[in-house]
Amino acid sequence: MGKREYITAVKRLPCEICVMHFGGDAEPWSEPCASDAHHPRTGAGAARRGSDSDVIALCKEHHQGSSGIHGLGRKAFERRWGVTEAELSASTRRRVNEMGVE
């Protein structure tokens, strides 16, 4: 699967935080619009994006809102939600693989 196809698949997934904490529907949507694809910065350097293969499915609020990773900052986000960017990335990757997207 190419980068573009992977990002499109991630955007079809519901938000990782919503699914984990609020019992959101974990099933992918038929159209890419369910989530943003957040690029983790952990290990990428100060102003650099992480790899496309590490993106995380996050809704607008949990991506850029006041309770989101950009609103709180990575460390506060991880403390608040009890999960790391690496764990969220692994979960997103697993969910994309379960979709069987080629």
PDB file of N, CA and C in Angstrom:
ATOM      1  N   MET A   1       0.845  -1.172   0.000  1.00  0.00           N
ATOM      2  CA  MET A   1       0.000   0.000   0.000  1.00  0.00           C
ATOM      3  C   MET A   1       0.892   1.237   0.000  1.00  0.00           C
ATOM      4  N   GLY A   2       0.575   2.182  -0.853  1.00  0.00           N
ATOM      5  CA  GLY A   2       1.342   3.414  -0.931  1.00  0.00           C
ATOM      6  C   GLY A   2       0.968   4.386   0.185  1.00  0.00           C
ATOM      7  N   LYS A   3       1.762   5.449   0.311  1.00  0.00           N
ATOM      8  CA  LYS A   3       1.528   6.453   1.357  1.00  0.00           C
ATOM      9  C   LYS A   3       0.140   7.070   1.256  1.00  0.00           C
ATOM     10  N   ARG A   4      -0.237   7.464   0.059  1.00  0.00           N
ATOM     11  CA  ARG A   4      -1.529   8.116  -0.138  1.00  0.00           C
ATOM     12  C   ARG A   4      -2.685   7.177   0.251  1.00  0.00           C
ATOM     13  N   GLU A   5      -2.606   5.927  -0.158  1.00  0.00           N
ATOM     14  CA  GLU A   5      -3.660   4.961   0.175  1.00  0.00           C
ATOM     15  C   GLU A   5      -3.731   4.727   1.681  1.00  0.00           C
ATOM     16  N   TYR A   6      -2.562   4.687   2.326  1.00  0.00           N
ATOM     17  CA  TYR A   6      -2.538   4.467   3.777  1.00  0.00           C
ATOM     18  C   TYR A   6      -3.185   5.648   4.502  1.00  0.00           C
ATOM     19  N   ILE A   7      -2.830   6.876   4.135  1.00  0.00           N
ATOM     20  CA  ILE A   7      -3.404   8.063   4.766  1.00  0.00           C
ATOM     21  C   ILE A   7      -4.914   8.096   4.547  1.00  0.00           C
ATOM     22  N   THR A   8      -5.372   7.767   3.342  1.00  0.00           N
ATOM     23  CA  THR A   8      -6.811   7.733   3.050  1.00  0.00           C
ATOM     24  C   THR A   8      -7.502   6.698   3.925  1.00  0.00           C
ATOM     25  N   ALA A   9      -6.872   5.548   4.108  1.00  0.00           N
ATOM     26  CA  ALA A   9      -7.449   4.507   4.968  1.00  0.00           C
ATOM     27  C   ALA A   9      -7.533   4.987   6.415  1.00  0.00           C
ATOM     28  N   VAL A  10      -6.511   5.647   6.900  1.00  0.00           N
ATOM     29  CA  VAL A  10      -6.505   6.170   8.267  1.00  0.00           C
ATOM     30  C   VAL A  10      -7.650   7.161   8.455  1.00  0.00           C
ATOM     31  N   LYS A  11      -7.887   8.002   7.473  1.00  0.00           N
ATOM     32  CA  LYS A  11      -8.944   9.005   7.560  1.00  0.00           C
ATOM     33  C   LYS A  11     -10.342   8.386   7.556  1.00  0.00           C
ATOM     34  N   ARG A  12     -10.451   7.142   7.168  1.00  0.00           N
ATOM     35  CA  ARG A  12     -11.738   6.431   7.225  1.00  0.00           C
ATOM     36  C   ARG A  12     -12.019   5.880   8.622  1.00  0.00           C
ATOM     37  N   LEU A  13     -10.996   5.818   9.454  1.00  0.00           N
ATOM     38  CA  LEU A  13     -11.161   5.251  10.794  1.00  0.00           C
ATOM     39  C   LEU A  13     -11.741   6.259  11.772  1.00  0.00           C
ATOM     40  N   PRO A  14     -12.531   5.805  12.721  1.00  0.00           N
ATOM     41  CA  PRO A  14     -12.935   6.684  13.822  1.00  0.00           C
ATOM     42  C   PRO A  14     -11.717   7.010  14.695  1.00  0.00           C
ATOM     43  N   CYS A  15     -11.826   8.071  15.448  1.00  0.00           N
ATOM     44  CA  CYS A  15     -10.760   8.539  16.332  1.00  0.00           C
ATOM     45  C   CYS A  15     -10.353   7.478  17.353  1.00  0.00           C
ATOM     46  N   GLU A  16      -9.051   7.302  17.512  1.00  0.00           N
ATOM     47  CA  GLU A  16      -8.528   6.335  18.493  1.00  0.00           C
ATOM     48  C   GLU A  16      -8.995   6.654  19.916  1.00  0.00           C
ATOM     49  N   ILE A  17      -8.951   7.930  20.310  1.00  0.00           N
ATOM     50  CA  ILE A  17      -9.341   8.314  21.672  1.00  0.00           C
ATOM     51  C   ILE A  17     -10.833   8.101  21.883  1.00  0.00           C
ATOM     52  N   CYS A  18     -11.652   8.491  20.923  1.00  0.00           N
ATOM     53  CA  CYS A  18     -13.103   8.303  21.042  1.00  0.00           C
ATOM     54  C   CYS A  18     -13.455   6.827  21.197  1.00  0.00           C
ATOM     55  N   VAL A  19     -12.805   5.979  20.424  1.00  0.00           N
ATOM     56  CA  VAL A  19     -13.070   4.536  20.511  1.00  0.00           C
ATOM     57  C   VAL A  19     -12.633   4.002  21.870  1.00  0.00           C
ATOM     58  N   MET A  20     -11.437   4.393  22.332  1.00  0.00           N
ATOM     59  CA  MET A  20     -10.895   3.880  23.597  1.00  0.00           C
ATOM     60  C   MET A  20     -11.662   4.365  24.828  1.00  0.00           C
ATOM     61  N   HIS A  21     -12.034   5.637  24.824  1.00  0.00           N
ATOM     62  CA  HIS A  21     -12.568   6.242  26.045  1.00  0.00           C
ATOM     63  C   HIS A  21     -14.070   6.478  26.051  1.00  0.00           C
ATOM     64  N   PHE A  22     -14.684   6.538  24.890  1.00  0.00           N
ATOM     65  CA  PHE A  22     -16.095   6.888  24.842  1.00  0.00           C
ATOM     66  C   PHE A  22     -16.949   5.845  24.135  1.00  0.00           C
ATOM     67  N   GLY A  23     -16.358   4.691  23.848  1.00  0.00           N
ATOM     68  CA  GLY A  23     -17.109   3.608  23.229  1.00  0.00           C
ATOM     69  C   GLY A  23     -17.583   3.906  21.821  1.00  0.00           C
ATOM     70  N   GLY A  24     -16.838   4.755  21.140  1.00  0.00           N
ATOM     71  CA  GLY A  24     -17.202   5.071  19.764  1.00  0.00           C
ATOM     72  C   GLY A  24     -17.151   3.840  18.883  1.00  0.00           C
ATOM     73  N   ASP A  25     -17.856   3.889  17.790  1.00  0.00           N
ATOM     74  CA  ASP A  25     -17.889   2.798  16.824  1.00  0.00           C
ATOM     75  C   ASP A  25     -16.500   2.623  16.217  1.00  0.00           C
ATOM     76  N   ALA A  26     -15.950   1.442  16.300  1.00  0.00           N
ATOM     77  CA  ALA A  26     -14.595   1.182  15.804  1.00  0.00           C
ATOM     78  C   ALA A  26     -14.571   0.823  14.321  1.00  0.00           C
ATOM     79  N   GLU A  27     -15.734   0.684  13.708  1.00  0.00           N
ATOM     80  CA  GLU A  27     -15.781   0.287  12.297  1.00  0.00           C
ATOM     81  C   GLU A  27     -15.395   1.455  11.385  1.00  0.00           C
ATOM     82  N   PRO A  28     -14.624   1.177  10.336  1.00  0.00           N
ATOM     83  CA  PRO A  28     -14.256   2.242   9.404  1.00  0.00           C
ATOM     84  C   PRO A  28     -15.464   2.755   8.623  1.00  0.00           C
ATOM     85  N   TRP A  29     -15.397   3.995   8.207  1.00  0.00           N
ATOM     86  CA  TRP A  29     -16.429   4.603   7.382  1.00  0.00           C
ATOM     87  C   TRP A  29     -16.118   4.299   5.933  1.00  0.00           C
ATOM     88  N   SER A  30     -17.119   4.422   5.083  1.00  0.00           N
ATOM     89  CA  SER A  30     -16.900   4.134   3.664  1.00  0.00           C
ATOM     90  C   SER A  30     -16.165   5.274   2.955  1.00  0.00           C
ATOM     91  N   GLU A  31     -16.226   6.483   3.503  1.00  0.00           N
ATOM     92  CA  GLU A  31     -15.565   7.633   2.894  1.00  0.00           C
ATOM     93  C   GLU A  31     -14.495   8.198   3.830  1.00  0.00           C
ATOM     94  N   PRO A  32     -13.418   8.742   3.289  1.00  0.00           N
ATOM     95  CA  PRO A  32     -12.404   9.372   4.141  1.00  0.00           C
ATOM     96  C   PRO A  32     -12.903  10.704   4.692  1.00  0.00           C
ATOM     97  N   CYS A  33     -13.274  10.737   5.942  1.00  0.00           N
ATOM     98  CA  CYS A  33     -13.712  11.970   6.593  1.00  0.00           C
ATOM     99  C   CYS A  33     -13.887  11.778   8.090  1.00  0.00           C
ATOM    100  N   ALA A  34     -13.726  10.576   8.575  1.00  0.00           N
ATOM    101  CA  ALA A  34     -13.962  10.306   9.984  1.00  0.00           C
ATOM    102  C   ALA A  34     -12.916  10.954  10.875  1.00  0.00           C
ATOM    103  N   SER A  35     -11.678  10.954  10.466  1.00  0.00           N
ATOM    104  CA  SER A  35     -10.578  11.421  11.308  1.00  0.00           C
ATOM    105  C   SER A  35      -9.547  12.215  10.521  1.00  0.00           C
ATOM    106  N   ASP A  36      -8.775  12.984  11.272  1.00  0.00           N
ATOM    107  CA  ASP A  36      -7.551  13.571  10.736  1.00  0.00           C
ATOM    108  C   ASP A  36      -6.453  12.522  10.873  1.00  0.00           C
ATOM    109  N   ALA A  37      -5.406  12.673  10.095  1.00  0.00           N
ATOM    110  CA  ALA A  37      -4.232  11.805  10.206  1.00  0.00           C
ATOM    111  C   ALA A  37      -3.132  12.605  10.899  1.00  0.00           C
ATOM    112  N   HIS A  38      -2.973  12.384  12.210  1.00  0.00           N
ATOM    113  CA  HIS A  38      -1.954  13.104  12.988  1.00  0.00           C
ATOM    114  C   HIS A  38      -0.597  12.444  12.803  1.00  0.00           C
ATOM    115  N   HIS A  39       0.402  13.256  12.455  1.00  0.00           N
ATOM    116  CA  HIS A  39       1.779  12.775  12.322  1.00  0.00           C
ATOM    117  C   HIS A  39       2.501  12.956  13.656  1.00  0.00           C
ATOM    118  N   PRO A  40       2.834  11.867  14.342  1.00  0.00           N
ATOM    119  CA  PRO A  40       3.574  12.003  15.610  1.00  0.00           C
ATOM    120  C   PRO A  40       4.924  12.662  15.380  1.00  0.00           C
ATOM    121  N   ARG A  41       5.356  13.404  16.371  1.00  0.00           N
ATOM    122  CA  ARG A  41       6.667  14.048  16.296  1.00  0.00           C
ATOM    123  C   ARG A  41       7.690  13.323  17.173  1.00  0.00           C
ATOM    124  N   THR A  42       7.245  12.389  17.982  1.00  0.00           N
ATOM    125  CA  THR A  42       8.141  11.656  18.854  1.00  0.00           C
ATOM    126  C   THR A  42       9.246  11.000  18.033  1.00  0.00           C
ATOM    127  N   GLY A  43      10.477  11.354  18.345  1.00  0.00           N
ATOM    128  CA  GLY A  43      11.625  10.779  17.645  1.00  0.00           C
ATOM    129  C   GLY A  43      11.891  11.390  16.283  1.00  0.00           C
ATOM    130  N   ALA A  44      11.077  12.384  15.873  1.00  0.00           N
ATOM    131  CA  ALA A  44      11.242  12.964  14.543  1.00  0.00           C
ATOM    132  C   ALA A  44      12.066  14.242  14.553  1.00  0.00           C
ATOM    133  N   GLY A  45      12.324  14.809  15.718  1.00  0.00           N
ATOM    134  CA  GLY A  45      13.030  16.080  15.794  1.00  0.00           C
ATOM    135  C   GLY A  45      12.059  17.210  16.069  1.00  0.00           C
ATOM    136  N   ALA A  46      12.573  18.331  16.482  1.00  0.00           N
ATOM    137  CA  ALA A  46      11.766  19.445  16.989  1.00  0.00           C
ATOM    138  C   ALA A  46      10.652  19.895  16.050  1.00  0.00           C
ATOM    139  N   ALA A  47      10.960  20.224  14.829  1.00  0.00           N
ATOM    140  CA  ALA A  47       9.947  20.779  13.940  1.00  0.00           C
ATOM    141  C   ALA A  47       9.643  19.860  12.765  1.00  0.00           C
ATOM    142  N   ARG A  48       9.886  18.582  12.935  1.00  0.00           N
ATOM    143  CA  ARG A  48       9.702  17.636  11.836  1.00  0.00           C
ATOM    144  C   ARG A  48       8.511  16.733  12.084  1.00  0.00           C
ATOM    145  N   ARG A  49       7.856  16.352  11.035  1.00  0.00           N
ATOM    146  CA  ARG A  49       6.748  15.416  11.116  1.00  0.00           C
ATOM    147  C   ARG A  49       7.291  13.998  11.158  1.00  0.00           C
ATOM    148  N   GLY A  50       6.510  13.121  11.769  1.00  0.00           N
ATOM    149  CA  GLY A  50       6.849  11.712  11.758  1.00  0.00           C
ATOM    150  C   GLY A  50       6.509  11.101  10.405  1.00  0.00           C
ATOM    151  N   SER A  51       6.808   9.853  10.269  1.00  0.00           N
ATOM    152  CA  SER A  51       6.565   9.121   9.034  1.00  0.00           C
ATOM    153  C   SER A  51       5.065   8.972   8.760  1.00  0.00           C
ATOM    154  N   ASP A  52       4.696   8.936   7.486  1.00  0.00           N
ATOM    155  CA  ASP A  52       3.305   8.699   7.113  1.00  0.00           C
ATOM    156  C   ASP A  52       2.815   7.347   7.618  1.00  0.00           C
ATOM    157  N   SER A  53       3.705   6.392   7.756  1.00  0.00           N
ATOM    158  CA  SER A  53       3.301   5.062   8.225  1.00  0.00           C
ATOM    159  C   SER A  53       3.008   5.031   9.722  1.00  0.00           C
ATOM    160  N   ASP A  54       3.279   6.137  10.431  1.00  0.00           N
ATOM    161  CA  ASP A  54       3.026   6.212  11.871  1.00  0.00           C
ATOM    162  C   ASP A  54       1.840   7.098  12.228  1.00  0.00           C
ATOM    163  N   VAL A  55       1.094   7.594  11.226  1.00  0.00           N
ATOM    164  CA  VAL A  55       0.008   8.523  11.522  1.00  0.00           C
ATOM    165  C   VAL A  55      -1.050   7.881  12.422  1.00  0.00           C
ATOM    166  N   ILE A  56      -1.763   8.747  13.146  1.00  0.00           N
ATOM    167  CA  ILE A  56      -2.770   8.333  14.120  1.00  0.00           C
ATOM    168  C   ILE A  56      -4.113   8.906  13.707  1.00  0.00           C
ATOM    169  N   ALA A  57      -5.157   8.087  13.757  1.00  0.00           N
ATOM    170  CA  ALA A  57      -6.520   8.536  13.483  1.00  0.00           C
ATOM    171  C   ALA A  57      -7.052   9.293  14.698  1.00  0.00           C
ATOM    172  N   LEU A  58      -7.260  10.609  14.546  1.00  0.00           N
ATOM    173  CA  LEU A  58      -7.802  11.448  15.615  1.00  0.00           C
ATOM    174  C   LEU A  58      -8.889  12.353  15.054  1.00  0.00           C
ATOM    175  N   CYS A  59      -9.992  12.512  15.796  1.00  0.00           N
ATOM    176  CA  CYS A  59     -11.031  13.459  15.396  1.00  0.00           C
ATOM    177  C   CYS A  59     -10.479  14.880  15.543  1.00  0.00           C
ATOM    178  N   LYS A  60     -11.223  15.856  15.057  1.00  0.00           N
ATOM    179  CA  LYS A  60     -10.768  17.250  15.123  1.00  0.00           C
ATOM    180  C   LYS A  60     -10.468  17.673  16.560  1.00  0.00           C
ATOM    181  N   GLU A  61     -11.345  17.319  17.513  1.00  0.00           N
ATOM    182  CA  GLU A  61     -11.137  17.720  18.904  1.00  0.00           C
ATOM    183  C   GLU A  61      -9.878  17.090  19.486  1.00  0.00           C
ATOM    184  N   HIS A  62      -9.681  15.793  19.278  1.00  0.00           N
ATOM    185  CA  HIS A  62      -8.530  15.118  19.865  1.00  0.00           C
ATOM    186  C   HIS A  62      -7.240  15.355  19.080  1.00  0.00           C
ATOM    187  N   HIS A  63      -7.364  15.974  17.918  1.00  0.00           N
ATOM    188  CA  HIS A  63      -6.182  16.347  17.146  1.00  0.00           C
ATOM    189  C   HIS A  63      -5.773  17.787  17.459  1.00  0.00           C
ATOM    190  N   GLN A  64      -6.697  18.744  17.227  1.00  0.00           N
ATOM    191  CA  GLN A  64      -6.331  20.162  17.341  1.00  0.00           C
ATOM    192  C   GLN A  64      -7.146  20.936  18.371  1.00  0.00           C
ATOM    193  N   GLY A  65      -8.108  20.287  19.024  1.00  0.00           N
ATOM    194  CA  GLY A  65      -8.949  20.971  20.004  1.00  0.00           C
ATOM    195  C   GLY A  65      -8.276  21.132  21.358  1.00  0.00           C
ATOM    196  N   SER A  66      -9.014  21.703  22.298  1.00  0.00           N
ATOM    197  CA  SER A  66      -8.448  21.986  23.627  1.00  0.00           C
ATOM    198  C   SER A  66      -8.088  20.719  24.405  1.00  0.00           C
ATOM    199  N   SER A  67      -8.716  19.593  24.098  1.00  0.00           N
ATOM    200  CA  SER A  67      -8.352  18.329  24.749  1.00  0.00           C
ATOM    201  C   SER A  67      -7.516  17.448  23.827  1.00  0.00           C
ATOM    202  N   GLY A  68      -7.040  18.032  22.737  1.00  0.00           N
ATOM    203  CA  GLY A  68      -6.281  17.294  21.742  1.00  0.00           C
ATOM    204  C   GLY A  68      -4.775  17.390  21.924  1.00  0.00           C
ATOM    205  N   ILE A  69      -4.082  16.664  21.086  1.00  0.00           N
ATOM    206  CA  ILE A  69      -2.632  16.582  21.203  1.00  0.00           C
ATOM    207  C   ILE A  69      -1.949  17.924  20.916  1.00  0.00           C
ATOM    208  N   HIS A  70      -2.512  18.717  19.998  1.00  0.00           N
ATOM    209  CA  HIS A  70      -1.923  20.025  19.725  1.00  0.00           C
ATOM    210  C   HIS A  70      -2.389  21.065  20.741  1.00  0.00           C
ATOM    211  N   GLY A  71      -3.582  20.895  21.284  1.00  0.00           N
ATOM    212  CA  GLY A  71      -4.097  21.819  22.288  1.00  0.00           C
ATOM    213  C   GLY A  71      -3.427  21.665  23.640  1.00  0.00           C
ATOM    214  N   LEU A  72      -3.169  20.420  24.021  1.00  0.00           N
ATOM    215  CA  LEU A  72      -2.559  20.125  25.325  1.00  0.00           C
ATOM    216  C   LEU A  72      -1.044  20.013  25.269  1.00  0.00           C
ATOM    217  N   GLY A  73      -0.524  19.631  24.127  1.00  0.00           N
ATOM    218  CA  GLY A  73       0.885  19.243  24.030  1.00  0.00           C
ATOM    219  C   GLY A  73       0.970  17.742  24.236  1.00  0.00           C
ATOM    220  N   ARG A  74       1.994  17.130  23.654  1.00  0.00           N
ATOM    221  CA  ARG A  74       2.095  15.671  23.661  1.00  0.00           C
ATOM    222  C   ARG A  74       2.110  15.074  25.062  1.00  0.00           C
ATOM    223  N   LYS A  75       2.943  15.587  25.948  1.00  0.00           N
ATOM    224  CA  LYS A  75       3.073  14.983  27.278  1.00  0.00           C
ATOM    225  C   LYS A  75       1.774  15.081  28.072  1.00  0.00           C
ATOM    226  N   ALA A  76       1.136  16.249  28.062  1.00  0.00           N
ATOM    227  CA  ALA A  76      -0.132  16.415  28.790  1.00  0.00           C
ATOM    228  C   ALA A  76      -1.228  15.561  28.164  1.00  0.00           C
ATOM    229  N   PHE A  77      -1.238  15.469  26.827  1.00  0.00           N
ATOM    230  CA  PHE A  77      -2.201  14.617  26.121  1.00  0.00           C
ATOM    231  C   PHE A  77      -2.041  13.163  26.563  1.00  0.00           C
ATOM    232  N   GLU A  78      -0.806  12.685  26.584  1.00  0.00           N
ATOM    233  CA  GLU A  78      -0.547  11.297  26.969  1.00  0.00           C
ATOM    234  C   GLU A  78      -0.942  11.047  28.418  1.00  0.00           C
ATOM    235  N   ARG A  79      -0.687  12.014  29.304  1.00  0.00           N
ATOM    236  CA  ARG A  79      -1.107  11.867  30.707  1.00  0.00           C
ATOM    237  C   ARG A  79      -2.628  11.851  30.819  1.00  0.00           C
ATOM    238  N   ARG A  80      -3.278  12.786  30.138  1.00  0.00           N
ATOM    239  CA  ARG A  80      -4.740  12.891  30.240  1.00  0.00           C
ATOM    240  C   ARG A  80      -5.437  11.639  29.739  1.00  0.00           C
ATOM    241  N   TRP A  81      -5.004  11.120  28.602  1.00  0.00           N
ATOM    242  CA  TRP A  81      -5.697   9.996  27.992  1.00  0.00           C
ATOM    243  C   TRP A  81      -5.073   8.645  28.328  1.00  0.00           C
ATOM    244  N   GLY A  82      -3.922   8.630  28.996  1.00  0.00           N
ATOM    245  CA  GLY A  82      -3.319   7.382  29.457  1.00  0.00           C
ATOM    246  C   GLY A  82      -2.790   6.489  28.350  1.00  0.00           C
ATOM    247  N   VAL A  83      -2.347   7.106  27.265  1.00  0.00           N
ATOM    248  CA  VAL A  83      -1.838   6.335  26.134  1.00  0.00           C
ATOM    249  C   VAL A  83      -0.793   7.189  25.411  1.00  0.00           C
ATOM    250  N   THR A  84       0.228   6.545  24.872  1.00  0.00           N
ATOM    251  CA  THR A  84       1.298   7.262  24.177  1.00  0.00           C
ATOM    252  C   THR A  84       1.014   7.363  22.679  1.00  0.00           C
ATOM    253  N   GLU A  85       1.723   8.294  22.037  1.00  0.00           N
ATOM    254  CA  GLU A  85       1.616   8.388  20.573  1.00  0.00           C
ATOM    255  C   GLU A  85       2.001   7.060  19.925  1.00  0.00           C
ATOM    256  N   ALA A  86       3.026   6.405  20.442  1.00  0.00           N
ATOM    257  CA  ALA A  86       3.469   5.133  19.858  1.00  0.00           C
ATOM    258  C   ALA A  86       2.365   4.078  19.959  1.00  0.00           C
ATOM    259  N   GLU A  87       1.679   4.030  21.090  1.00  0.00           N
ATOM    260  CA  GLU A  87       0.581   3.062  21.259  1.00  0.00           C
ATOM    261  C   GLU A  87      -0.585   3.380  20.327  1.00  0.00           C
ATOM    262  N   LEU A  88      -0.897   4.664  20.188  1.00  0.00           N
ATOM    263  CA  LEU A  88      -1.972   5.064  19.282  1.00  0.00           C
ATOM    264  C   LEU A  88      -1.615   4.756  17.834  1.00  0.00           C
ATOM    265  N   SER A  89      -0.362   4.996  17.475  1.00  0.00           N
ATOM    266  CA  SER A  89       0.102   4.699  16.125  1.00  0.00           C
ATOM    267  C   SER A  89      -0.008   3.206  15.836  1.00  0.00           C
ATOM    268  N   ALA A  90       0.398   2.381  16.786  1.00  0.00           N
ATOM    269  CA  ALA A  90       0.316   0.920  16.608  1.00  0.00           C
ATOM    270  C   ALA A  90      -1.145   0.476  16.471  1.00  0.00           C
ATOM    271  N   SER A  91      -2.029   1.081  17.244  1.00  0.00           N
ATOM    272  CA  SER A  91      -3.453   0.737  17.162  1.00  0.00           C
ATOM    273  C   SER A  91      -4.034   1.134  15.809  1.00  0.00           C
ATOM    274  N   THR A  92      -3.692   2.332  15.347  1.00  0.00           N
ATOM    275  CA  THR A  92      -4.169   2.773  14.030  1.00  0.00           C
ATOM    276  C   THR A  92      -3.660   1.830  12.947  1.00  0.00           C
ATOM    277  N   ARG A  93      -2.382   1.483  13.005  1.00  0.00           N
ATOM    278  CA  ARG A  93      -1.791   0.583  12.005  1.00  0.00           C
ATOM    279  C   ARG A  93      -2.505  -0.771  12.007  1.00  0.00           C
ATOM    280  N   ARG A  94      -2.778  -1.293  13.199  1.00  0.00           N
ATOM    281  CA  ARG A  94      -3.489  -2.577  13.316  1.00  0.00           C
ATOM    282  C   ARG A  94      -4.881  -2.478  12.698  1.00  0.00           C
ATOM    283  N   ARG A  95      -5.600  -1.388  12.985  1.00  0.00           N
ATOM    284  CA  ARG A  95      -6.954  -1.216  12.468  1.00  0.00           C
ATOM    285  C   ARG A  95      -6.954  -1.073  10.938  1.00  0.00           C
ATOM    286  N   VAL A  96      -5.965  -0.371  10.375  1.00  0.00           N
ATOM    287  CA  VAL A  96      -5.861  -0.270   8.923  1.00  0.00           C
ATOM    288  C   VAL A  96      -5.612  -1.647   8.333  1.00  0.00           C
ATOM    289  N   ASN A  97      -4.705  -2.424   8.940  1.00  0.00           N
ATOM    290  CA  ASN A  97      -4.422  -3.780   8.444  1.00  0.00           C
ATOM    291  C   ASN A  97      -5.660  -4.661   8.489  1.00  0.00           C
ATOM    292  N   GLU A  98      -6.492  -4.497   9.515  1.00  0.00           N
ATOM    293  CA  GLU A  98      -7.727  -5.279   9.618  1.00  0.00           C
ATOM    294  C   GLU A  98      -8.728  -4.920   8.536  1.00  0.00           C
ATOM    295  N   MET A  99      -8.627  -3.696   8.011  1.00  0.00           N
ATOM    296  CA  MET A  99      -9.508  -3.284   6.919  1.00  0.00           C
ATOM    297  C   MET A  99      -9.190  -4.030   5.633  1.00  0.00           C
ATOM    298  N   GLY A 100      -7.975  -4.581   5.550  1.00  0.00           N
ATOM    299  CA  GLY A 100      -7.585  -5.315   4.354  1.00  0.00           C
ATOM    300  C   GLY A 100      -7.336  -4.418   3.154  1.00  0.00           C
ATOM    301  N   VAL A 101      -6.983  -3.174   3.414  1.00  0.00           N
ATOM    302  CA  VAL A 101      -6.730  -2.230   2.323  1.00  0.00           C
ATOM    303  C   VAL A 101      -5.409  -2.596   1.658  1.00  0.00           C
ATOM    304  N   GLU A 102      -5.423  -2.695   0.366  1.00  0.00           N
ATOM    305  CA  GLU A 102      -4.204  -3.032  -0.394  1.00  0.00           C
ATOM    306  C   GLU A 102      -3.691  -1.830  -1.120  1.00  0.00           C
TER     307      GLU A 102
END
